[in-house]
Amino acid sequence: MDGISDFHGREHMHEYPPYSPQDLRRRQGTLIAARLMVNAALTAPCAGGVSQMEAEIVYGPEQQEDIARKMEELSHQNRAWGDRFKYEAVMVRESDVVIFLGNRLAGEFALDAGCGMCGGRPDCSYFYEKHPHICGLVDATDRSSPLPLQGPLCTARVSDLGFAVGSALYLASRLLVDARPFFSVGLAGKKLGYCRHSFIVVGILAATLSKNPYVDINPDYHLINMGKVLENTRKQYITPRTVTTFDYRKWIPRPTRISGEEGND
């Protein structure tokens, strides 16, 4: 019981400056919420009740910068992704936590329900015809495809990933945490080795900031964002200081007298 009597403390939280002690305490709250979001995703309904989801939580300036840079790299490899990937890379940097959710079975173990949702005949033959297999066991060791998704994927499994993402976002809304899913973040994470056992990965960004960082995004956001604006302001402030010819210890201009005050001396 002696330990309980010592339970006291004081914690100050504020979102600025980034990664200061008060900001790190705030981010800890988002991290706790992210863990609960993953729990919600893992307990989401899935076909057959078979475990097929995996998740990873990533946070920290270096880790998030790696993800953002990979997204920017991808933006120049596909014109269709272009600006969207660059803008969403900024959102990764502005987030508190990045969550990756993936499905481990979508490209290797079809549901074998004969639903036909994959676009083929309702006997799963389309899925198996497109993959090397023996006795229904798919050989998924060839990961050299340049495509974002190496399909076809079992659509029932992909739908289960959607339920998992939806469950995570539902809990985020209940916890009043700003969160949004991104294909771009999931693709970059997959190429970096996150959720490496999955055939399709979705990235969820989460933050508890005064301004939701995932809405009201303007054109050229990769250039006009808070980080860039602050750096430019810093440059504009410091540069004029270095070109002045006077030092305060040698010359401080006297305040200009207002007309009519001479007689008050």
Protein backbone atom coordinates (compact mmCIF):
# COMPACT_ATOMS: atom_id res chain seq x y z
CA MET A 1 0.00 0.00 0.00
CA ASP A 2 3.00 2.32 0.43
CA GLY A 3 3.34 2.64 -3.35
CA ILE A 4 -0.24 3.90 -3.68
CA SER A 5 0.37 6.75 -1.24
CA ASP A 6 3.15 8.01 -3.53
CA PHE A 7 0.86 8.18 -6.56
CA HIS A 8 0.92 11.83 -7.49
CA GLY A 9 2.27 14.05 -10.22
CA ARG A 10 1.65 16.84 -12.66
CA GLU A 11 1.58 16.61 -16.44
CA HIS A 12 1.42 19.58 -18.79
CA MET A 13 0.29 18.93 -22.37
CA HIS A 14 0.48 21.21 -25.37
CA GLU A 15 0.94 20.51 -29.07
CA TYR A 16 3.70 23.04 -29.68
CA PRO A 17 6.61 22.95 -30.19
CA PRO A 18 6.58 19.50 -31.81
CA TYR A 19 8.29 16.70 -29.86
CA SER A 20 8.77 18.88 -26.80
CA PRO A 21 8.04 17.20 -23.42
CA GLN A 22 4.52 18.62 -23.32
CA ASP A 23 3.87 17.50 -26.90
CA LEU A 24 5.22 14.00 -26.27
CA ARG A 25 2.77 13.59 -23.39
CA ARG A 26 -0.03 14.54 -25.76
CA ARG A 27 1.21 12.06 -28.36
CA GLN A 28 1.21 9.31 -25.74
CA GLY A 29 -2.56 9.66 -25.59
CA THR A 30 -2.81 9.15 -29.34
CA LEU A 31 -0.57 6.09 -29.08
CA ILE A 32 -2.88 4.55 -26.48
CA ALA A 33 -5.84 5.24 -28.76
CA ALA A 34 -3.98 3.67 -31.69
CA ARG A 35 -3.44 0.47 -29.73
CA LEU A 36 -7.13 0.33 -28.95
CA MET A 37 -7.91 0.95 -32.63
CA VAL A 38 -5.75 -2.05 -33.53
CA ASN A 39 -7.65 -4.14 -30.98
CA ALA A 40 -10.89 -3.08 -32.64
CA ALA A 41 -9.51 -4.01 -36.05
CA LEU A 42 -8.37 -7.44 -34.92
CA THR A 43 -11.78 -8.24 -33.44
CA ALA A 44 -13.68 -7.10 -36.55
CA PRO A 45 -15.81 -9.81 -38.24
CA CYS A 46 -13.95 -11.90 -40.81
CA ALA A 47 -15.05 -14.69 -43.11
CA GLY A 48 -14.91 -18.06 -41.40
CA GLY A 49 -13.59 -16.53 -38.19
CA VAL A 50 -10.05 -17.32 -39.32
CA SER A 51 -7.24 -15.03 -38.17
CA GLN A 52 -6.04 -13.13 -41.20
CA MET A 53 -5.19 -9.60 -40.08
CA GLU A 54 -1.89 -8.20 -38.96
CA ALA A 55 -1.09 -4.71 -37.72
CA GLU A 56 1.87 -2.50 -36.95
CA ILE A 57 2.00 0.84 -35.16
CA VAL A 58 4.73 3.29 -36.14
CA TYR A 59 5.58 6.59 -34.49
CA GLY A 60 8.54 8.92 -34.16
CA PRO A 61 10.04 11.62 -36.41
CA GLU A 62 12.61 9.35 -38.09
CA GLN A 63 10.18 6.51 -38.74
CA GLN A 64 7.47 8.80 -40.08
CA GLU A 65 9.99 10.66 -42.23
CA ASP A 66 11.02 7.35 -43.84
CA ILE A 67 7.39 6.64 -44.75
CA ALA A 68 6.84 10.17 -46.09
CA ARG A 69 9.98 10.00 -48.26
CA LYS A 70 8.95 6.66 -49.71
CA MET A 71 5.56 8.17 -50.64
CA GLU A 72 7.29 11.10 -52.33
CA GLU A 73 9.48 8.65 -54.22
CA LEU A 74 6.41 6.75 -55.39
CA SER A 75 4.74 9.99 -56.48
CA HIS A 76 7.37 10.41 -59.18
CA GLN A 77 7.04 6.83 -60.42
CA ASN A 78 3.38 7.09 -61.39
CA ARG A 79 1.83 10.28 -62.76
CA ALA A 80 -1.61 9.20 -61.58
CA TRP A 81 -0.38 9.27 -57.98
CA GLY A 82 1.57 12.51 -58.33
CA ASP A 83 0.31 15.32 -56.14
CA ARG A 84 -1.92 13.12 -54.00
CA PHE A 85 1.01 11.08 -52.70
CA LYS A 86 3.08 14.23 -52.08
CA TYR A 87 0.28 15.92 -50.17
CA GLU A 88 -0.41 12.83 -48.08
CA ALA A 89 3.30 12.51 -47.29
CA VAL A 90 3.00 15.84 -45.48
CA MET A 91 0.09 14.40 -43.48
CA VAL A 92 2.31 11.51 -42.40
CA ARG A 93 4.82 13.98 -40.99
CA GLU A 94 2.06 15.89 -39.21
CA SER A 95 0.49 12.80 -37.63
CA ASP A 96 1.10 11.46 -34.15
CA VAL A 97 0.88 7.78 -35.09
CA VAL A 98 0.77 5.65 -38.24
CA ILE A 99 -1.18 2.38 -38.15
CA PHE A 100 -0.74 -0.31 -40.79
CA LEU A 101 -3.42 -2.95 -41.25
CA GLY A 102 -2.94 -5.83 -43.67
CA ASN A 103 -4.57 -9.08 -44.77
CA ARG A 104 -2.26 -12.11 -44.75
CA LEU A 105 -4.52 -14.50 -46.68
CA ALA A 106 -5.95 -12.47 -49.58
CA GLY A 107 -3.38 -13.59 -52.15
CA GLU A 108 -2.57 -17.07 -50.88
CA PHE A 109 -5.61 -18.68 -49.27
CA ALA A 110 -8.88 -17.97 -51.04
CA LEU A 111 -12.05 -18.33 -49.02
CA ASP A 112 -13.17 -21.08 -51.45
CA ALA A 113 -16.77 -19.99 -51.03
CA GLY A 114 -17.43 -19.81 -54.77
CA CYS A 115 -18.77 -16.27 -54.46
CA GLY A 116 -17.30 -14.94 -57.74
CA MET A 117 -16.57 -11.52 -56.22
CA CYS A 118 -13.01 -11.65 -57.59
CA GLY A 119 -14.42 -11.24 -61.09
CA GLY A 120 -14.11 -14.81 -62.21
CA ARG A 121 -16.39 -17.84 -62.24
CA PRO A 122 -18.15 -18.61 -58.96
CA ASP A 123 -15.92 -21.59 -58.21
CA CYS A 124 -12.65 -19.78 -57.32
CA SER A 125 -11.02 -21.20 -60.47
CA TYR A 126 -10.13 -17.68 -61.64
CA PHE A 127 -8.07 -17.13 -58.49
CA TYR A 128 -6.17 -20.40 -58.84
CA GLU A 129 -5.62 -20.05 -62.58
CA LYS A 130 -3.71 -16.83 -62.02
CA HIS A 131 -1.43 -18.23 -59.32
CA PRO A 132 1.05 -21.12 -59.41
CA HIS A 133 -0.35 -23.78 -57.09
CA ILE A 134 -0.25 -27.44 -56.20
CA CYS A 135 -3.33 -29.17 -54.81
CA GLY A 136 -4.88 -25.80 -53.99
CA LEU A 137 -1.77 -24.52 -52.16
CA VAL A 138 -0.64 -21.24 -53.77
CA ASP A 139 3.06 -20.53 -54.24
CA ALA A 140 3.32 -16.87 -53.19
CA THR A 141 7.11 -16.68 -53.03
CA ASP A 142 7.43 -14.59 -56.21
CA ARG A 143 7.12 -11.02 -54.96
CA SER A 144 8.79 -9.35 -57.94
CA SER A 145 5.63 -7.79 -59.41
CA PRO A 146 6.02 -4.05 -60.03
CA LEU A 147 2.28 -3.54 -59.55
CA PRO A 148 0.94 -2.01 -56.33
CA LEU A 149 -1.11 -5.16 -55.72
CA GLN A 150 -0.09 -8.60 -56.91
CA GLY A 151 -3.46 -10.13 -57.70
CA PRO A 152 -5.94 -11.37 -58.22
CA LEU A 153 -6.81 -11.23 -54.54
CA CYS A 154 -9.65 -13.03 -52.83
CA THR A 155 -12.23 -10.27 -52.65
CA ALA A 156 -13.86 -11.79 -49.59
CA ARG A 157 -10.55 -11.41 -47.77
CA VAL A 158 -10.13 -7.84 -49.01
CA SER A 159 -13.63 -7.07 -47.73
CA ASP A 160 -12.59 -8.40 -44.34
CA LEU A 161 -9.74 -5.88 -44.34
CA GLY A 162 -12.35 -3.21 -44.99
CA PHE A 163 -14.29 -4.32 -41.92
CA ALA A 164 -11.09 -4.13 -39.87
CA VAL A 165 -10.31 -0.60 -41.09
CA GLY A 166 -13.89 0.46 -40.43
CA SER A 167 -13.78 -0.91 -36.89
CA ALA A 168 -10.55 0.98 -36.17
CA LEU A 169 -12.00 4.24 -37.51
CA TYR A 170 -15.22 3.74 -35.56
CA LEU A 171 -13.28 3.48 -32.32
CA ALA A 172 -11.21 6.53 -33.25
CA SER A 173 -14.40 8.54 -33.64
CA ARG A 174 -15.62 7.33 -30.26
CA LEU A 175 -12.32 8.37 -28.70
CA LEU A 176 -12.45 11.76 -30.48
CA VAL A 177 -9.18 11.04 -32.31
CA ASP A 178 -8.75 12.35 -35.85
CA ALA A 179 -7.99 9.41 -38.15
CA ARG A 180 -8.15 8.64 -41.86
CA PRO A 181 -7.17 5.65 -44.02
CA PHE A 182 -4.81 6.03 -47.01
CA PHE A 183 -3.87 3.67 -49.82
CA SER A 184 -0.69 5.69 -50.38
CA VAL A 185 0.49 5.21 -46.80
CA GLY A 186 -0.27 1.50 -46.95
CA LEU A 187 1.63 1.06 -50.21
CA ALA A 188 4.68 2.91 -48.90
CA GLY A 189 4.57 0.93 -45.67
CA LYS A 190 4.36 -2.36 -47.53
CA LYS A 191 7.40 -1.46 -49.63
CA LEU A 192 9.27 -0.57 -46.44
CA GLY A 193 8.50 -3.95 -44.91
CA TYR A 194 5.60 -3.13 -42.60
CA CYS A 195 2.96 -5.87 -42.40
CA ARG A 196 5.30 -7.89 -44.60
CA HIS A 197 3.13 -10.99 -44.51
CA SER A 198 0.15 -9.19 -46.05
CA PHE A 199 -0.86 -8.96 -49.70
CA ILE A 200 -2.73 -5.69 -49.25
CA VAL A 201 -2.00 -3.03 -46.63
CA VAL A 202 -3.92 0.10 -45.62
CA GLY A 203 -2.31 2.91 -43.65
CA ILE A 204 -4.32 4.83 -41.06
CA LEU A 205 -3.02 8.19 -39.82
CA ALA A 206 -4.09 9.34 -36.37
CA ALA A 207 -3.61 12.60 -34.48
CA THR A 208 -5.06 14.57 -31.57
CA LEU A 209 -4.35 18.11 -32.73
CA SER A 210 -6.42 21.27 -32.46
CA LYS A 211 -6.76 21.23 -36.26
CA ASN A 212 -7.55 18.00 -38.06
CA PRO A 213 -4.48 17.53 -40.33
CA TYR A 214 -6.39 15.42 -42.88
CA VAL A 215 -9.00 17.92 -44.08
CA ASP A 216 -8.93 21.39 -45.68
CA ILE A 217 -5.92 20.41 -47.77
CA ASN A 218 -5.12 22.96 -50.47
CA PRO A 219 -3.29 22.56 -53.79
CA ASP A 220 0.52 22.55 -53.56
CA TYR A 221 0.28 21.30 -50.01
CA HIS A 222 3.69 19.67 -50.30
CA LEU A 223 5.07 23.21 -50.53
CA ILE A 224 2.53 25.28 -48.59
CA ASN A 225 2.22 23.58 -45.22
CA MET A 226 3.02 24.47 -41.61
CA GLY A 227 6.54 23.03 -41.66
CA LYS A 228 7.54 24.81 -44.86
CA VAL A 229 5.93 28.09 -43.80
CA LEU A 230 7.77 28.08 -40.46
CA GLU A 231 11.09 27.36 -42.15
CA ASN A 232 10.52 30.16 -44.65
CA THR A 233 9.51 32.58 -41.87
CA ARG A 234 12.68 31.69 -39.99
CA LYS A 235 14.73 32.45 -43.08
CA GLN A 236 12.96 35.76 -43.68
CA TYR A 237 13.54 36.78 -40.07
CA ILE A 238 17.18 35.79 -39.70
CA THR A 239 18.48 37.03 -43.06
CA PRO A 240 17.70 40.77 -42.47
CA ARG A 241 19.43 40.56 -39.08
CA THR A 242 22.69 39.57 -40.70
CA VAL A 243 22.80 42.46 -43.18
CA THR A 244 22.36 45.37 -40.75
CA THR A 245 25.39 47.56 -40.05
CA PHE A 246 24.66 48.54 -36.46
CA ASP A 247 24.98 46.71 -33.16
CA TYR A 248 22.75 47.55 -30.22
CA ARG A 249 25.77 48.13 -27.97
CA LYS A 250 27.11 50.87 -30.23
CA TRP A 251 24.05 52.58 -31.55
CA ILE A 252 20.47 52.59 -30.33
CA PRO A 253 18.29 55.18 -32.08
CA ARG A 254 16.49 57.57 -29.75
CA PRO A 255 12.70 57.62 -29.93
CA THR A 256 11.33 60.42 -32.07
CA ARG A 257 9.79 63.21 -30.01
CA ILE A 258 6.18 64.00 -30.64
CA SER A 259 5.45 67.60 -31.57
CA GLY A 260 4.49 69.65 -28.53
CA GLU A 261 6.39 67.59 -25.97
CA GLU A 262 9.55 69.77 -25.98
CA GLY A 263 8.18 72.00 -23.25
CA ASN A 264 7.51 69.10 -20.93
CA ASP A 265 11.24 68.44 -20.22
